[in-house]
Amino acid sequence: QQGNGHIPYRDSKLTRLLQNSLGGNSVTAAIANVTFSSEHIEATKNTLRFASFTKSVVNKATRNVAVENEKILQDYRRQIADLQRQLSVEQE
Protein backbone atom coordinates (compact mmCIF):
# COMPACT_ATOMS: atom_id res chain seq x y z
CA GLN A 1 0.00 0.00 0.00
CA GLN A 2 1.29 3.44 -0.89
CA GLY A 3 1.51 6.33 1.61
CA ASN A 4 -1.52 8.21 0.25
CA GLY A 5 -3.97 5.40 1.05
CA HIS A 6 -4.30 4.25 -2.56
CA ILE A 7 -4.26 0.47 -2.99
CA PRO A 8 -2.96 -0.51 -6.43
CA TYR A 9 -5.31 -2.76 -8.41
CA ARG A 10 -3.12 -5.84 -8.22
CA ASP A 11 -2.61 -5.50 -4.46
CA SER A 12 -6.26 -5.10 -3.46
CA LYS A 13 -8.12 -7.72 -1.42
CA LEU A 14 -11.02 -7.58 -3.87
CA THR A 15 -8.71 -8.44 -6.75
CA ARG A 16 -7.34 -11.43 -4.83
CA LEU A 17 -10.89 -12.64 -4.13
CA LEU A 18 -11.86 -12.29 -7.79
CA GLN A 19 -8.52 -13.47 -9.17
CA ASN A 20 -9.87 -16.68 -10.72
CA SER A 21 -12.88 -14.90 -12.21
CA LEU A 22 -11.10 -11.94 -13.77
CA GLY A 23 -9.43 -13.30 -16.86
CA GLY A 24 -9.85 -16.94 -15.94
CA ASN A 25 -11.94 -19.71 -17.42
CA SER A 26 -15.30 -18.38 -16.31
CA VAL A 27 -18.15 -16.10 -17.23
CA THR A 28 -18.08 -13.11 -14.89
CA ALA A 29 -20.71 -10.54 -13.96
CA ALA A 30 -19.84 -7.48 -11.86
CA ILE A 31 -22.25 -5.18 -10.07
CA ALA A 32 -21.01 -1.80 -8.87
CA ASN A 33 -22.88 -0.33 -5.91
CA VAL A 34 -22.36 3.44 -5.70
CA THR A 35 -23.87 6.34 -3.80
CA PHE A 36 -24.53 9.96 -4.68
CA SER A 37 -23.53 11.06 -1.20
CA SER A 38 -20.71 13.61 -1.24
CA GLU A 39 -19.25 11.96 1.87
CA HIS A 40 -18.35 8.86 -0.15
CA ILE A 41 -17.29 10.45 -3.44
CA GLU A 42 -13.80 8.87 -3.39
CA ALA A 43 -15.18 5.39 -2.72
CA THR A 44 -17.69 5.90 -5.53
CA LYS A 45 -14.95 6.99 -7.93
CA ASN A 46 -12.80 3.98 -7.03
CA THR A 47 -15.77 1.65 -7.48
CA LEU A 48 -16.52 3.12 -10.90
CA ARG A 49 -12.85 2.79 -11.91
CA PHE A 50 -12.86 -0.85 -10.87
CA ALA A 51 -16.14 -1.46 -12.70
CA SER A 52 -14.73 0.22 -15.79
CA PHE A 53 -11.68 -2.02 -15.65
CA THR A 54 -13.74 -5.19 -15.23
CA LYS A 55 -15.76 -4.24 -18.32
CA SER A 56 -12.60 -4.40 -20.40
CA VAL A 57 -11.65 -7.92 -19.28
CA VAL A 58 -12.33 -10.47 -22.01
CA ASN A 59 -12.77 -14.08 -20.96
CA LYS A 60 -12.98 -17.06 -23.26
CA ALA A 61 -14.76 -19.54 -21.08
CA THR A 62 -14.72 -23.15 -22.15
CA ARG A 63 -16.66 -26.03 -20.74
CA ASN A 64 -14.51 -28.32 -18.61
CA VAL A 65 -14.70 -31.91 -19.77
CA ALA A 66 -14.31 -34.70 -17.28
CA VAL A 67 -12.43 -37.60 -18.81
CA GLU A 68 -12.89 -41.00 -17.29
CA ASN A 69 -9.81 -42.93 -16.22
CA GLU A 70 -10.80 -45.92 -18.33
CA LYS A 71 -10.93 -43.77 -21.48
CA ILE A 72 -7.47 -42.36 -20.73
CA LEU A 73 -6.11 -45.89 -20.19
CA GLN A 74 -7.62 -47.07 -23.48
CA ASP A 75 -5.98 -44.18 -25.32
CA TYR A 76 -2.60 -44.92 -23.70
CA ARG A 77 -2.88 -48.63 -24.52
CA ARG A 78 -3.71 -47.79 -28.13
CA GLN A 79 -0.72 -45.43 -28.35
CA ILE A 80 1.60 -48.04 -26.81
CA ALA A 81 0.40 -50.68 -29.25
CA ASP A 82 0.94 -48.30 -32.19
CA LEU A 83 4.44 -47.46 -30.99
CA GLN A 84 5.28 -51.14 -30.49
CA ARG A 85 4.13 -51.89 -34.06
CA GLN A 86 6.28 -49.04 -35.36
CA LEU A 87 9.28 -50.34 -33.44
CA SER A 88 8.86 -53.88 -34.72
CA VAL A 89 8.57 -52.62 -38.32
CA GLU A 90 11.71 -50.48 -37.95
CA GLN A 91 13.68 -53.39 -36.42
CA GLU A 92 12.86 -55.76 -39.26
C-alpha atoms as a PDB file:
ATOM      1  CA  GLN A   1       0.000   0.000   0.000  1.00  0.00           C
ATOM      2  CA  GLN A   2       1.286   3.436  -0.888  1.00  0.00           C
ATOM      3  CA  GLY A   3       1.508   6.326   1.609  1.00  0.00           C
ATOM      4  CA  ASN A   4      -1.517   8.213   0.253  1.00  0.00           C
ATOM      5  CA  GLY A   5      -3.968   5.402   1.053  1.00  0.00           C
ATOM      6  CA  HIS A   6      -4.303   4.250  -2.564  1.00  0.00           C
ATOM      7  CA  ILE A   7      -4.256   0.473  -2.990  1.00  0.00           C
ATOM      8  CA  PRO A   8      -2.964  -0.510  -6.430  1.00  0.00           C
ATOM      9  CA  TYR A   9      -5.315  -2.759  -8.407  1.00  0.00           C
ATOM     10  CA  ARG A  10      -3.118  -5.839  -8.218  1.00  0.00           C
ATOM     11  CA  ASP A  11      -2.614  -5.501  -4.458  1.00  0.00           C
ATOM     12  CA  SER A  12      -6.260  -5.097  -3.455  1.00  0.00           C
ATOM     13  CA  LYS A  13      -8.116  -7.719  -1.422  1.00  0.00           C
ATOM     14  CA  LEU A  14     -11.022  -7.581  -3.869  1.00  0.00           C
ATOM     15  CA  THR A  15      -8.708  -8.443  -6.746  1.00  0.00           C
ATOM     16  CA  ARG A  16      -7.341 -11.426  -4.833  1.00  0.00           C
ATOM     17  CA  LEU A  17     -10.886 -12.640  -4.129  1.00  0.00           C
ATOM     18  CA  LEU A  18     -11.863 -12.293  -7.793  1.00  0.00           C
ATOM     19  CA  GLN A  19      -8.518 -13.472  -9.173  1.00  0.00           C
ATOM     20  CA  ASN A  20      -9.874 -16.681 -10.718  1.00  0.00           C
ATOM     21  CA  SER A  21     -12.881 -14.905 -12.209  1.00  0.00           C
ATOM     22  CA  LEU A  22     -11.101 -11.943 -13.775  1.00  0.00           C
ATOM     23  CA  GLY A  23      -9.430 -13.300 -16.865  1.00  0.00           C
ATOM     24  CA  GLY A  24      -9.853 -16.939 -15.942  1.00  0.00           C
ATOM     25  CA  ASN A  25     -11.942 -19.707 -17.416  1.00  0.00           C
ATOM     26  CA  SER A  26     -15.302 -18.376 -16.310  1.00  0.00           C
ATOM     27  CA  VAL A  27     -18.151 -16.101 -17.230  1.00  0.00           C
ATOM     28  CA  THR A  28     -18.084 -13.107 -14.893  1.00  0.00           C
ATOM     29  CA  ALA A  29     -20.706 -10.537 -13.956  1.00  0.00           C
ATOM     30  CA  ALA A  30     -19.845  -7.481 -11.865  1.00  0.00           C
ATOM     31  CA  ILE A  31     -22.252  -5.185 -10.071  1.00  0.00           C
ATOM     32  CA  ALA A  32     -21.007  -1.797  -8.866  1.00  0.00           C
ATOM     33  CA  ASN A  33     -22.880  -0.334  -5.910  1.00  0.00           C
ATOM     34  CA  VAL A  34     -22.360   3.436  -5.700  1.00  0.00           C
ATOM     35  CA  THR A  35     -23.874   6.338  -3.803  1.00  0.00           C
ATOM     36  CA  PHE A  36     -24.534   9.960  -4.684  1.00  0.00           C
ATOM     37  CA  SER A  37     -23.527  11.060  -1.196  1.00  0.00           C
ATOM     38  CA  SER A  38     -20.707  13.615  -1.238  1.00  0.00           C
ATOM     39  CA  GLU A  39     -19.247  11.956   1.872  1.00  0.00           C
ATOM     40  CA  HIS A  40     -18.348   8.864  -0.151  1.00  0.00           C
ATOM     41  CA  ILE A  41     -17.290  10.452  -3.440  1.00  0.00           C
ATOM     42  CA  GLU A  42     -13.800   8.866  -3.388  1.00  0.00           C
ATOM     43  CA  ALA A  43     -15.185   5.387  -2.722  1.00  0.00           C
ATOM     44  CA  THR A  44     -17.692   5.897  -5.528  1.00  0.00           C
ATOM     45  CA  LYS A  45     -14.951   6.990  -7.933  1.00  0.00           C
ATOM     46  CA  ASN A  46     -12.804   3.982  -7.027  1.00  0.00           C
ATOM     47  CA  THR A  47     -15.766   1.648  -7.478  1.00  0.00           C
ATOM     48  CA  LEU A  48     -16.520   3.122 -10.902  1.00  0.00           C
ATOM     49  CA  ARG A  49     -12.850   2.790 -11.914  1.00  0.00           C
ATOM     50  CA  PHE A  50     -12.857  -0.851 -10.868  1.00  0.00           C
ATOM     51  CA  ALA A  51     -16.145  -1.464 -12.701  1.00  0.00           C
ATOM     52  CA  SER A  52     -14.727   0.220 -15.791  1.00  0.00           C
ATOM     53  CA  PHE A  53     -11.685  -2.024 -15.647  1.00  0.00           C
ATOM     54  CA  THR A  54     -13.741  -5.195 -15.234  1.00  0.00           C
ATOM     55  CA  LYS A  55     -15.757  -4.239 -18.317  1.00  0.00           C
ATOM     56  CA  SER A  56     -12.603  -4.396 -20.400  1.00  0.00           C
ATOM     57  CA  VAL A  57     -11.649  -7.915 -19.279  1.00  0.00           C
ATOM     58  CA  VAL A  58     -12.333 -10.475 -22.012  1.00  0.00           C
ATOM     59  CA  ASN A  59     -12.772 -14.082 -20.962  1.00  0.00           C
ATOM     60  CA  LYS A  60     -12.983 -17.056 -23.265  1.00  0.00           C
ATOM     61  CA  ALA A  61     -14.764 -19.535 -21.076  1.00  0.00           C
ATOM     62  CA  THR A  62     -14.716 -23.149 -22.153  1.00  0.00           C
ATOM     63  CA  ARG A  63     -16.661 -26.027 -20.742  1.00  0.00           C
ATOM     64  CA  ASN A  64     -14.511 -28.320 -18.612  1.00  0.00           C
ATOM     65  CA  VAL A  65     -14.697 -31.909 -19.767  1.00  0.00           C
ATOM     66  CA  ALA A  66     -14.307 -34.696 -17.277  1.00  0.00           C
ATOM     67  CA  VAL A  67     -12.429 -37.598 -18.808  1.00  0.00           C
ATOM     68  CA  GLU A  68     -12.893 -41.000 -17.287  1.00  0.00           C
ATOM     69  CA  ASN A  69      -9.810 -42.925 -16.219  1.00  0.00           C
ATOM     70  CA  GLU A  70     -10.798 -45.916 -18.331  1.00  0.00           C
ATOM     71  CA  LYS A  71     -10.931 -43.765 -21.477  1.00  0.00           C
ATOM     72  CA  ILE A  72      -7.470 -42.364 -20.734  1.00  0.00           C
ATOM     73  CA  LEU A  73      -6.113 -45.891 -20.188  1.00  0.00           C
ATOM     74  CA  GLN A  74      -7.621 -47.074 -23.483  1.00  0.00           C
ATOM     75  CA  ASP A  75      -5.976 -44.183 -25.322  1.00  0.00           C
ATOM     76  CA  TYR A  76      -2.604 -44.924 -23.703  1.00  0.00           C
ATOM     77  CA  ARG A  77      -2.881 -48.635 -24.522  1.00  0.00           C
ATOM     78  CA  ARG A  78      -3.706 -47.794 -28.132  1.00  0.00           C
ATOM     79  CA  GLN A  79      -0.724 -45.430 -28.345  1.00  0.00           C
ATOM     80  CA  ILE A  80       1.598 -48.041 -26.807  1.00  0.00           C
ATOM     81  CA  ALA A  81       0.398 -50.678 -29.253  1.00  0.00           C
ATOM     82  CA  ASP A  82       0.939 -48.302 -32.193  1.00  0.00           C
ATOM     83  CA  LEU A  83       4.442 -47.459 -30.988  1.00  0.00           C
ATOM     84  CA  GLN A  84       5.283 -51.139 -30.487  1.00  0.00           C
ATOM     85  CA  ARG A  85       4.130 -51.894 -34.055  1.00  0.00           C
ATOM     86  CA  GLN A  86       6.277 -49.036 -35.361  1.00  0.00           C
ATOM     87  CA  LEU A  87       9.280 -50.345 -33.444  1.00  0.00           C
ATOM     88  CA  SER A  88       8.861 -53.880 -34.722  1.00  0.00           C
ATOM     89  CA  VAL A  89       8.570 -52.618 -38.320  1.00  0.00           C
ATOM     90  CA  GLU A  90      11.713 -50.484 -37.946  1.00  0.00           C
ATOM     91  CA  GLN A  91      13.676 -53.387 -36.416  1.00  0.00           C
ATOM     92  CA  GLU A  92      12.864 -55.759 -39.265  1.00  0.00           C
END
